[in-house]
Amino acid sequence: MRLLKKEVDLLKNKLQLLCNDAKLYLFGSRVDDTKKGGDIDLLIISKNLTKKDLRLIRIMKDIRNTIAHEYIEDDLAEVFEEVLKYSKTLQDIINNTLMYISRLT
């Protein structure tokens, strides 16, 4: 499962505040440890939750989305580091290419 324990605990605790008989299940790509990214698919089962509780469940959705976006930001940070690492080399290649072209024209 590709969620941290603190993230799972946060989701469970928020749901338990809403309804103590509710069960929370994770499904979808986040269950597969070999994959990256992806949204967080949750199934909530309860005999006591009603449509009136939908607003509070939407709050959980917002928490879920916050967690998912943190993973994306982590991936972007790694990509950004790679870009910085190779920027100087790329800039040198571009400058050398421009100098070569200027000699030809």
C-alpha atoms as a PDB file:
ATOM      1  CA  MET A   1       0.000   0.000   0.000  1.00  0.00           C
ATOM      2  CA  ARG A   2       1.439   3.349  -1.044  1.00  0.00           C
ATOM      3  CA  LEU A   3       0.241   5.484   1.841  1.00  0.00           C
ATOM      4  CA  LEU A   4       2.191   6.352   4.931  1.00  0.00           C
ATOM      5  CA  LYS A   5       0.893   5.095   8.265  1.00  0.00           C
ATOM      6  CA  LYS A   6       0.280   8.672   9.418  1.00  0.00           C
ATOM      7  CA  GLU A   7      -1.853   9.278   6.299  1.00  0.00           C
ATOM      8  CA  VAL A   8      -3.917   6.142   6.873  1.00  0.00           C
ATOM      9  CA  ASP A   9      -4.341   7.056  10.542  1.00  0.00           C
ATOM     10  CA  LEU A  10      -5.438  10.575   9.626  1.00  0.00           C
ATOM     11  CA  LEU A  11      -8.112   9.300   7.251  1.00  0.00           C
ATOM     12  CA  LYS A  12      -9.338   6.676   9.720  1.00  0.00           C
ATOM     13  CA  ASN A  13      -9.453   9.139  12.606  1.00  0.00           C
ATOM     14  CA  LYS A  14     -11.453  11.682  10.601  1.00  0.00           C
ATOM     15  CA  LEU A  15     -13.921   8.991   9.582  1.00  0.00           C
ATOM     16  CA  GLN A  16     -14.258   7.708  13.139  1.00  0.00           C
ATOM     17  CA  LEU A  17     -15.111  11.232  14.310  1.00  0.00           C
ATOM     18  CA  LEU A  18     -17.947  11.192  11.830  1.00  0.00           C
ATOM     19  CA  CYS A  19     -19.221   7.698  12.491  1.00  0.00           C
ATOM     20  CA  ASN A  20     -17.687   5.086  14.773  1.00  0.00           C
ATOM     21  CA  ASP A  21     -19.089   2.085  12.886  1.00  0.00           C
ATOM     22  CA  ALA A  22     -17.711   3.186   9.505  1.00  0.00           C
ATOM     23  CA  LYS A  23     -15.127   1.068   7.714  1.00  0.00           C
ATOM     24  CA  LEU A  24     -12.615   2.577   5.330  1.00  0.00           C
ATOM     25  CA  TYR A  25     -11.138   0.602   2.436  1.00  0.00           C
ATOM     26  CA  LEU A  26      -8.393   1.591   0.021  1.00  0.00           C
ATOM     27  CA  PHE A  27      -8.610   0.244  -3.527  1.00  0.00           C
ATOM     28  CA  GLY A  28      -7.183   1.041  -6.948  1.00  0.00           C
ATOM     29  CA  SER A  29      -3.599   1.760  -7.967  1.00  0.00           C
ATOM     30  CA  ARG A  30      -2.489   2.861  -4.472  1.00  0.00           C
ATOM     31  CA  VAL A  31      -2.800  -0.734  -3.297  1.00  0.00           C
ATOM     32  CA  ASP A  32      -0.093  -1.788  -5.779  1.00  0.00           C
ATOM     33  CA  ASP A  33       3.374  -1.020  -4.382  1.00  0.00           C
ATOM     34  CA  THR A  34       4.974  -1.348  -7.827  1.00  0.00           C
ATOM     35  CA  LYS A  35       3.109   1.649  -9.274  1.00  0.00           C
ATOM     36  CA  LYS A  36       3.700   5.389  -8.844  1.00  0.00           C
ATOM     37  CA  GLY A  37       1.316   8.289  -8.345  1.00  0.00           C
ATOM     38  CA  GLY A  38      -2.378   7.856  -8.817  1.00  0.00           C
ATOM     39  CA  ASP A  39      -5.351   9.079  -6.927  1.00  0.00           C
ATOM     40  CA  ILE A  40      -6.488   7.653  -3.617  1.00  0.00           C
ATOM     41  CA  ASP A  41      -9.608   5.555  -4.079  1.00  0.00           C
ATOM     42  CA  LEU A  42     -11.562   5.061  -0.865  1.00  0.00           C
ATOM     43  CA  LEU A  43     -14.669   3.067  -0.114  1.00  0.00           C
ATOM     44  CA  ILE A  44     -16.632   3.936   3.039  1.00  0.00           C
ATOM     45  CA  ILE A  45     -19.143   1.439   4.385  1.00  0.00           C
ATOM     46  CA  SER A  46     -21.479   2.266   7.258  1.00  0.00           C
ATOM     47  CA  LYS A  47     -24.993   1.423   8.383  1.00  0.00           C
ATOM     48  CA  ASN A  48     -25.341   4.823  10.067  1.00  0.00           C
ATOM     49  CA  LEU A  49     -24.008   7.330   7.543  1.00  0.00           C
ATOM     50  CA  THR A  50     -26.639   9.294   5.646  1.00  0.00           C
ATOM     51  CA  LYS A  51     -26.696  11.819   2.815  1.00  0.00           C
ATOM     52  CA  LYS A  52     -26.537  14.523   5.475  1.00  0.00           C
ATOM     53  CA  ASP A  53     -23.059  13.275   6.285  1.00  0.00           C
ATOM     54  CA  LEU A  54     -21.947  13.905   2.702  1.00  0.00           C
ATOM     55  CA  ARG A  55     -20.483  17.319   3.581  1.00  0.00           C
ATOM     56  CA  LEU A  56     -18.186  15.764   6.156  1.00  0.00           C
ATOM     57  CA  ILE A  57     -17.190  13.003   3.793  1.00  0.00           C
ATOM     58  CA  ARG A  58     -16.219  15.691   1.288  1.00  0.00           C
ATOM     59  CA  ILE A  59     -13.827  17.030   3.920  1.00  0.00           C
ATOM     60  CA  MET A  60     -12.201  13.594   3.929  1.00  0.00           C
ATOM     61  CA  LYS A  61     -11.975  13.820   0.138  1.00  0.00           C
ATOM     62  CA  ASP A  62     -10.091  17.095   0.524  1.00  0.00           C
ATOM     63  CA  ILE A  63      -7.674  15.447   2.954  1.00  0.00           C
ATOM     64  CA  ARG A  64      -7.244  12.576   0.527  1.00  0.00           C
ATOM     65  CA  ASN A  65      -6.498  15.004  -2.310  1.00  0.00           C
ATOM     66  CA  THR A  66      -3.956  16.837  -0.162  1.00  0.00           C
ATOM     67  CA  ILE A  67      -2.142  13.559   0.446  1.00  0.00           C
ATOM     68  CA  ALA A  68      -2.193  12.687  -3.264  1.00  0.00           C
ATOM     69  CA  HIS A  69      -0.803  16.097  -4.246  1.00  0.00           C
ATOM     70  CA  GLU A  70       2.040  15.746  -1.751  1.00  0.00           C
ATOM     71  CA  TYR A  71       3.207  12.684  -3.654  1.00  0.00           C
ATOM     72  CA  ILE A  72       3.094  14.601  -6.927  1.00  0.00           C
ATOM     73  CA  GLU A  73       5.147  17.420  -5.418  1.00  0.00           C
ATOM     74  CA  ASP A  74       7.729  14.883  -4.227  1.00  0.00           C
ATOM     75  CA  ASP A  75       7.996  13.487  -7.777  1.00  0.00           C
ATOM     76  CA  LEU A  76       8.309  17.001  -9.205  1.00  0.00           C
ATOM     77  CA  ALA A  77      11.093  17.815  -6.764  1.00  0.00           C
ATOM     78  CA  GLU A  78      13.080  14.820  -8.014  1.00  0.00           C
ATOM     79  CA  VAL A  79      12.521  15.833 -11.647  1.00  0.00           C
ATOM     80  CA  PHE A  80      13.535  19.416 -10.862  1.00  0.00           C
ATOM     81  CA  GLU A  81      16.791  18.204  -9.303  1.00  0.00           C
ATOM     82  CA  GLU A  82      17.522  16.238 -12.493  1.00  0.00           C
ATOM     83  CA  VAL A  83      16.819  19.322 -14.620  1.00  0.00           C
ATOM     84  CA  LEU A  84      19.197  21.399 -12.521  1.00  0.00           C
ATOM     85  CA  LYS A  85      21.828  18.679 -12.706  1.00  0.00           C
ATOM     86  CA  TYR A  86      21.855  18.653 -16.532  1.00  0.00           C
ATOM     87  CA  SER A  87      21.046  22.320 -17.228  1.00  0.00           C
ATOM     88  CA  LYS A  88      24.693  23.393 -17.483  1.00  0.00           C
ATOM     89  CA  THR A  89      25.484  20.600 -19.945  1.00  0.00           C
ATOM     90  CA  LEU A  90      22.415  21.394 -22.014  1.00  0.00           C
ATOM     91  CA  GLN A  91      23.283  25.092 -22.032  1.00  0.00           C
ATOM     92  CA  ASP A  92      26.823  24.267 -23.241  1.00  0.00           C
ATOM     93  CA  ILE A  93      25.426  22.106 -26.053  1.00  0.00           C
ATOM     94  CA  ILE A  94      23.059  24.888 -27.120  1.00  0.00           C
ATOM     95  CA  ASN A  95      25.849  27.497 -27.098  1.00  0.00           C
ATOM     96  CA  ASN A  96      28.199  25.247 -29.075  1.00  0.00           C
ATOM     97  CA  THR A  97      25.448  24.553 -31.604  1.00  0.00           C
ATOM     98  CA  LEU A  98      24.717  28.275 -31.997  1.00  0.00           C
ATOM     99  CA  MET A  99      28.423  29.030 -32.504  1.00  0.00           C
ATOM    100  CA  TYR A 100      28.664  26.272 -35.134  1.00  0.00           C
ATOM    101  CA  ILE A 101      25.596  27.627 -36.955  1.00  0.00           C
ATOM    102  CA  SER A 102      26.934  31.185 -36.869  1.00  0.00           C
ATOM    103  CA  ARG A 103      30.159  30.004 -38.559  1.00  0.00           C
ATOM    104  CA  LEU A 104      28.187  28.379 -41.347  1.00  0.00           C
ATOM    105  CA  THR A 105      26.119  31.464 -42.139  1.00  0.00           C
END
